[in-house]
């Protein structure tokens, strides 16, 4: 479960940019929260729950629980797509195997190349880290 401050911004990041799909949603009028369950395509057993509390709260320490990790078909293509969408690549995939980005709520997300690492290539091989990952 990840608490999110702006549900629409988070859904844009996790679904449109990262490629997860919304599986179900639950709104609680009495509890004043919304739960949205997302999964990677083809793997509905590994779901993430986004919790949006309707009353404003400030969440800090986006890395305090660890991080989320997803296997991806082409780490270079996804990182380029994310950059094109304005997402900062905190730890570029210099090794063709691993990269880190942050969600709108500062949650650290590890991207792992499915199968063997891709051969190193530019601009990734020489790209420096940006911020924390």
C-alpha atoms as a PDB file:
ATOM      1  CA  UNK A   1       0.000   0.000   0.000  1.00  0.00           C
ATOM      2  CA  UNK A   2       1.204   3.460  -0.893  1.00  0.00           C
ATOM      3  CA  UNK A   3      -0.515   6.601   0.375  1.00  0.00           C
ATOM      4  CA  UNK A   4      -0.904   9.231  -2.333  1.00  0.00           C
ATOM      5  CA  UNK A   5      -1.743  12.915  -2.038  1.00  0.00           C
ATOM      6  CA  UNK A   6      -3.131  13.529  -5.557  1.00  0.00           C
ATOM      7  CA  UNK A   7      -4.955  10.478  -6.885  1.00  0.00           C
ATOM      8  CA  UNK A   8      -5.218  11.677 -10.493  1.00  0.00           C
ATOM      9  CA  UNK A   9      -1.523  12.632 -10.659  1.00  0.00           C
ATOM     10  CA  UNK A  10      -0.576   9.261  -9.153  1.00  0.00           C
ATOM     11  CA  UNK A  11      -2.815   7.317 -11.569  1.00  0.00           C
ATOM     12  CA  UNK A  12      -1.262   9.227 -14.466  1.00  0.00           C
ATOM     13  CA  UNK A  13       2.197   8.177 -13.239  1.00  0.00           C
ATOM     14  CA  UNK A  14       1.461   4.528 -12.380  1.00  0.00           C
ATOM     15  CA  UNK A  15      -0.941   3.781 -15.267  1.00  0.00           C
ATOM     16  CA  UNK A  16      -0.225   6.020 -18.250  1.00  0.00           C
ATOM     17  CA  UNK A  17       3.509   6.470 -17.711  1.00  0.00           C
ATOM     18  CA  UNK A  18       4.554   3.241 -15.943  1.00  0.00           C
ATOM     19  CA  UNK A  19       2.019   0.956 -17.674  1.00  0.00           C
ATOM     20  CA  UNK A  20       0.094  -0.533 -14.731  1.00  0.00           C
ATOM     21  CA  UNK A  21      -3.658  -1.106 -15.066  1.00  0.00           C
ATOM     22  CA  UNK A  22      -6.430  -0.270 -12.649  1.00  0.00           C
ATOM     23  CA  UNK A  23      -8.071  -3.502 -11.455  1.00  0.00           C
ATOM     24  CA  UNK A  24     -10.628  -2.150  -8.984  1.00  0.00           C
ATOM     25  CA  UNK A  25     -11.547   0.878  -6.913  1.00  0.00           C
ATOM     26  CA  UNK A  26     -13.326   1.421  -3.607  1.00  0.00           C
ATOM     27  CA  UNK A  27     -14.608   4.757  -2.290  1.00  0.00           C
ATOM     28  CA  UNK A  28     -15.500   5.043   1.405  1.00  0.00           C
ATOM     29  CA  UNK A  29     -17.728   8.049   2.085  1.00  0.00           C
ATOM     30  CA  UNK A  30     -17.715   7.354   5.833  1.00  0.00           C
ATOM     31  CA  UNK A  31     -13.976   6.776   6.057  1.00  0.00           C
ATOM     32  CA  UNK A  32     -13.218   9.581   3.582  1.00  0.00           C
ATOM     33  CA  UNK A  33     -10.758   7.597   1.482  1.00  0.00           C
ATOM     34  CA  UNK A  34     -10.394   5.906  -1.894  1.00  0.00           C
ATOM     35  CA  UNK A  35      -8.528   2.667  -2.543  1.00  0.00           C
ATOM     36  CA  UNK A  36      -7.318   1.906  -6.079  1.00  0.00           C
ATOM     37  CA  UNK A  37      -5.747  -1.463  -6.865  1.00  0.00           C
ATOM     38  CA  UNK A  38      -3.253  -1.599  -9.755  1.00  0.00           C
ATOM     39  CA  UNK A  39      -1.384  -4.470 -11.395  1.00  0.00           C
ATOM     40  CA  UNK A  40       1.229  -4.982 -14.065  1.00  0.00           C
ATOM     41  CA  UNK A  41      -0.332  -6.289 -17.286  1.00  0.00           C
ATOM     42  CA  UNK A  42      -0.496 -10.081 -17.199  1.00  0.00           C
ATOM     43  CA  UNK A  43       0.303 -10.288 -13.477  1.00  0.00           C
ATOM     44  CA  UNK A  44      -2.826  -9.495 -11.508  1.00  0.00           C
ATOM     45  CA  UNK A  45      -1.552 -11.440  -8.493  1.00  0.00           C
ATOM     46  CA  UNK A  46       1.035  -8.741  -7.694  1.00  0.00           C
ATOM     47  CA  UNK A  47      -1.132  -5.728  -6.988  1.00  0.00           C
ATOM     48  CA  UNK A  48      -0.322  -2.401  -5.426  1.00  0.00           C
ATOM     49  CA  UNK A  49      -2.925  -0.495  -3.442  1.00  0.00           C
ATOM     50  CA  UNK A  50      -2.986   3.282  -3.733  1.00  0.00           C
ATOM     51  CA  UNK A  51      -4.698   4.862  -0.732  1.00  0.00           C
ATOM     52  CA  UNK A  52      -5.968   8.399  -1.123  1.00  0.00           C
ATOM     53  CA  UNK A  53      -7.222  10.018   2.085  1.00  0.00           C
ATOM     54  CA  UNK A  54      -9.627  12.795   1.147  1.00  0.00           C
ATOM     55  CA  UNK A  55      -8.535  15.081   3.962  1.00  0.00           C
ATOM     56  CA  UNK A  56      -5.137  16.662   3.230  1.00  0.00           C
ATOM     57  CA  UNK A  57      -2.139  15.096   4.949  1.00  0.00           C
ATOM     58  CA  UNK A  58       1.578  15.561   4.400  1.00  0.00           C
ATOM     59  CA  UNK A  59       3.553  12.370   3.853  1.00  0.00           C
ATOM     60  CA  UNK A  60       7.323  12.469   4.276  1.00  0.00           C
ATOM     61  CA  UNK A  61      10.182  10.011   3.828  1.00  0.00           C
ATOM     62  CA  UNK A  62       8.964   8.375   0.604  1.00  0.00           C
ATOM     63  CA  UNK A  63      11.678   5.742   0.971  1.00  0.00           C
ATOM     64  CA  UNK A  64      10.964   4.785   4.583  1.00  0.00           C
ATOM     65  CA  UNK A  65       9.381   1.454   3.650  1.00  0.00           C
ATOM     66  CA  UNK A  66      11.852   0.483   0.929  1.00  0.00           C
ATOM     67  CA  UNK A  67      10.790   0.711  -2.692  1.00  0.00           C
ATOM     68  CA  UNK A  68       8.584  -0.861  -5.352  1.00  0.00           C
ATOM     69  CA  UNK A  69      10.203  -2.864  -8.158  1.00  0.00           C
ATOM     70  CA  UNK A  70       8.905  -3.831 -11.601  1.00  0.00           C
ATOM     71  CA  UNK A  71      10.376  -5.914 -14.409  1.00  0.00           C
ATOM     72  CA  UNK A  72      10.164  -4.198 -17.774  1.00  0.00           C
ATOM     73  CA  UNK A  73      10.492  -5.452 -21.353  1.00  0.00           C
ATOM     74  CA  UNK A  74      12.952  -2.753 -22.499  1.00  0.00           C
ATOM     75  CA  UNK A  75      14.479  -0.605 -19.775  1.00  0.00           C
ATOM     76  CA  UNK A  76      15.951   1.886 -22.245  1.00  0.00           C
ATOM     77  CA  UNK A  77      12.646   2.422 -24.046  1.00  0.00           C
ATOM     78  CA  UNK A  78      10.704   2.853 -20.793  1.00  0.00           C
ATOM     79  CA  UNK A  79      13.268   5.258 -19.323  1.00  0.00           C
ATOM     80  CA  UNK A  80      13.146   7.324 -22.529  1.00  0.00           C
ATOM     81  CA  UNK A  81       9.336   7.350 -22.421  1.00  0.00           C
ATOM     82  CA  UNK A  82       9.387   8.426 -18.765  1.00  0.00           C
ATOM     83  CA  UNK A  83      11.905  11.200 -19.513  1.00  0.00           C
ATOM     84  CA  UNK A  84       9.754  12.362 -22.431  1.00  0.00           C
ATOM     85  CA  UNK A  85       6.847  12.549 -19.961  1.00  0.00           C
ATOM     86  CA  UNK A  86       8.862  14.732 -17.576  1.00  0.00           C
ATOM     87  CA  UNK A  87       9.869  12.018 -15.080  1.00  0.00           C
ATOM     88  CA  UNK A  88      13.394  12.371 -13.666  1.00  0.00           C
ATOM     89  CA  UNK A  89      15.512   9.235 -13.972  1.00  0.00           C
ATOM     90  CA  UNK A  90      17.164   9.251 -10.541  1.00  0.00           C
ATOM     91  CA  UNK A  91      19.500   6.354 -11.309  1.00  0.00           C
ATOM     92  CA  UNK A  92      19.864   5.797 -15.075  1.00  0.00           C
ATOM     93  CA  UNK A  93      20.146   2.262 -16.500  1.00  0.00           C
ATOM     94  CA  UNK A  94      23.895   2.553 -17.128  1.00  0.00           C
ATOM     95  CA  UNK A  95      24.295  -1.227 -16.838  1.00  0.00           C
ATOM     96  CA  UNK A  96      21.278  -2.054 -19.039  1.00  0.00           C
ATOM     97  CA  UNK A  97      19.743  -3.771 -16.034  1.00  0.00           C
ATOM     98  CA  UNK A  98      18.473  -1.369 -13.369  1.00  0.00           C
ATOM     99  CA  UNK A  99      17.094   2.162 -13.035  1.00  0.00           C
ATOM    100  CA  UNK A 100      15.259   4.153 -10.362  1.00  0.00           C
ATOM    101  CA  UNK A 101      12.572   6.813 -10.650  1.00  0.00           C
ATOM    102  CA  UNK A 102      10.291   8.514  -8.104  1.00  0.00           C
ATOM    103  CA  UNK A 103       6.496   8.682  -8.060  1.00  0.00           C
ATOM    104  CA  UNK A 104       4.673  12.006  -7.562  1.00  0.00           C
ATOM    105  CA  UNK A 105       4.628  11.157  -3.828  1.00  0.00           C
ATOM    106  CA  UNK A 106       8.393  10.568  -3.780  1.00  0.00           C
ATOM    107  CA  UNK A 107       8.145   6.758  -3.643  1.00  0.00           C
ATOM    108  CA  UNK A 108      11.300   5.141  -5.000  1.00  0.00           C
ATOM    109  CA  UNK A 109      10.562   2.733  -7.876  1.00  0.00           C
ATOM    110  CA  UNK A 110      13.145   0.323  -9.232  1.00  0.00           C
ATOM    111  CA  UNK A 111      12.897  -0.727 -12.877  1.00  0.00           C
ATOM    112  CA  UNK A 112      14.568  -4.046 -13.736  1.00  0.00           C
ATOM    113  CA  UNK A 113      15.266  -5.311 -17.228  1.00  0.00           C
ATOM    114  CA  UNK A 114      13.432  -8.583 -17.810  1.00  0.00           C
ATOM    115  CA  UNK A 115      15.850 -11.406 -18.594  1.00  0.00           C
ATOM    116  CA  UNK A 116      19.463 -10.561 -19.307  1.00  0.00           C
ATOM    117  CA  UNK A 117      20.790  -7.022 -19.044  1.00  0.00           C
ATOM    118  CA  UNK A 118      20.804  -5.057 -22.290  1.00  0.00           C
ATOM    119  CA  UNK A 119      24.226  -4.015 -23.614  1.00  0.00           C
ATOM    120  CA  UNK A 120      25.258  -0.631 -22.173  1.00  0.00           C
ATOM    121  CA  UNK A 121      24.598   2.275 -24.536  1.00  0.00           C
ATOM    122  CA  UNK A 122      24.414   6.034 -24.618  1.00  0.00           C
ATOM    123  CA  UNK A 123      23.067   8.317 -23.392  1.00  0.00           C
ATOM    124  CA  UNK A 124      22.471   6.026 -20.417  1.00  0.00           C
ATOM    125  CA  UNK A 125      26.020   4.700 -19.937  1.00  0.00           C
ATOM    126  CA  UNK A 126      27.436   8.131 -19.085  1.00  0.00           C
ATOM    127  CA  UNK A 127      24.345   9.736 -17.508  1.00  0.00           C
ATOM    128  CA  UNK A 128      24.893  10.723 -13.854  1.00  0.00           C
ATOM    129  CA  UNK A 129      22.499  10.052 -10.996  1.00  0.00           C
ATOM    130  CA  UNK A 130      19.998  12.787 -10.223  1.00  0.00           C
ATOM    131  CA  UNK A 131      18.916  13.298  -6.627  1.00  0.00           C
ATOM    132  CA  UNK A 132      18.200  10.355  -4.339  1.00  0.00           C
ATOM    133  CA  UNK A 133      17.067   6.955  -5.503  1.00  0.00           C
END
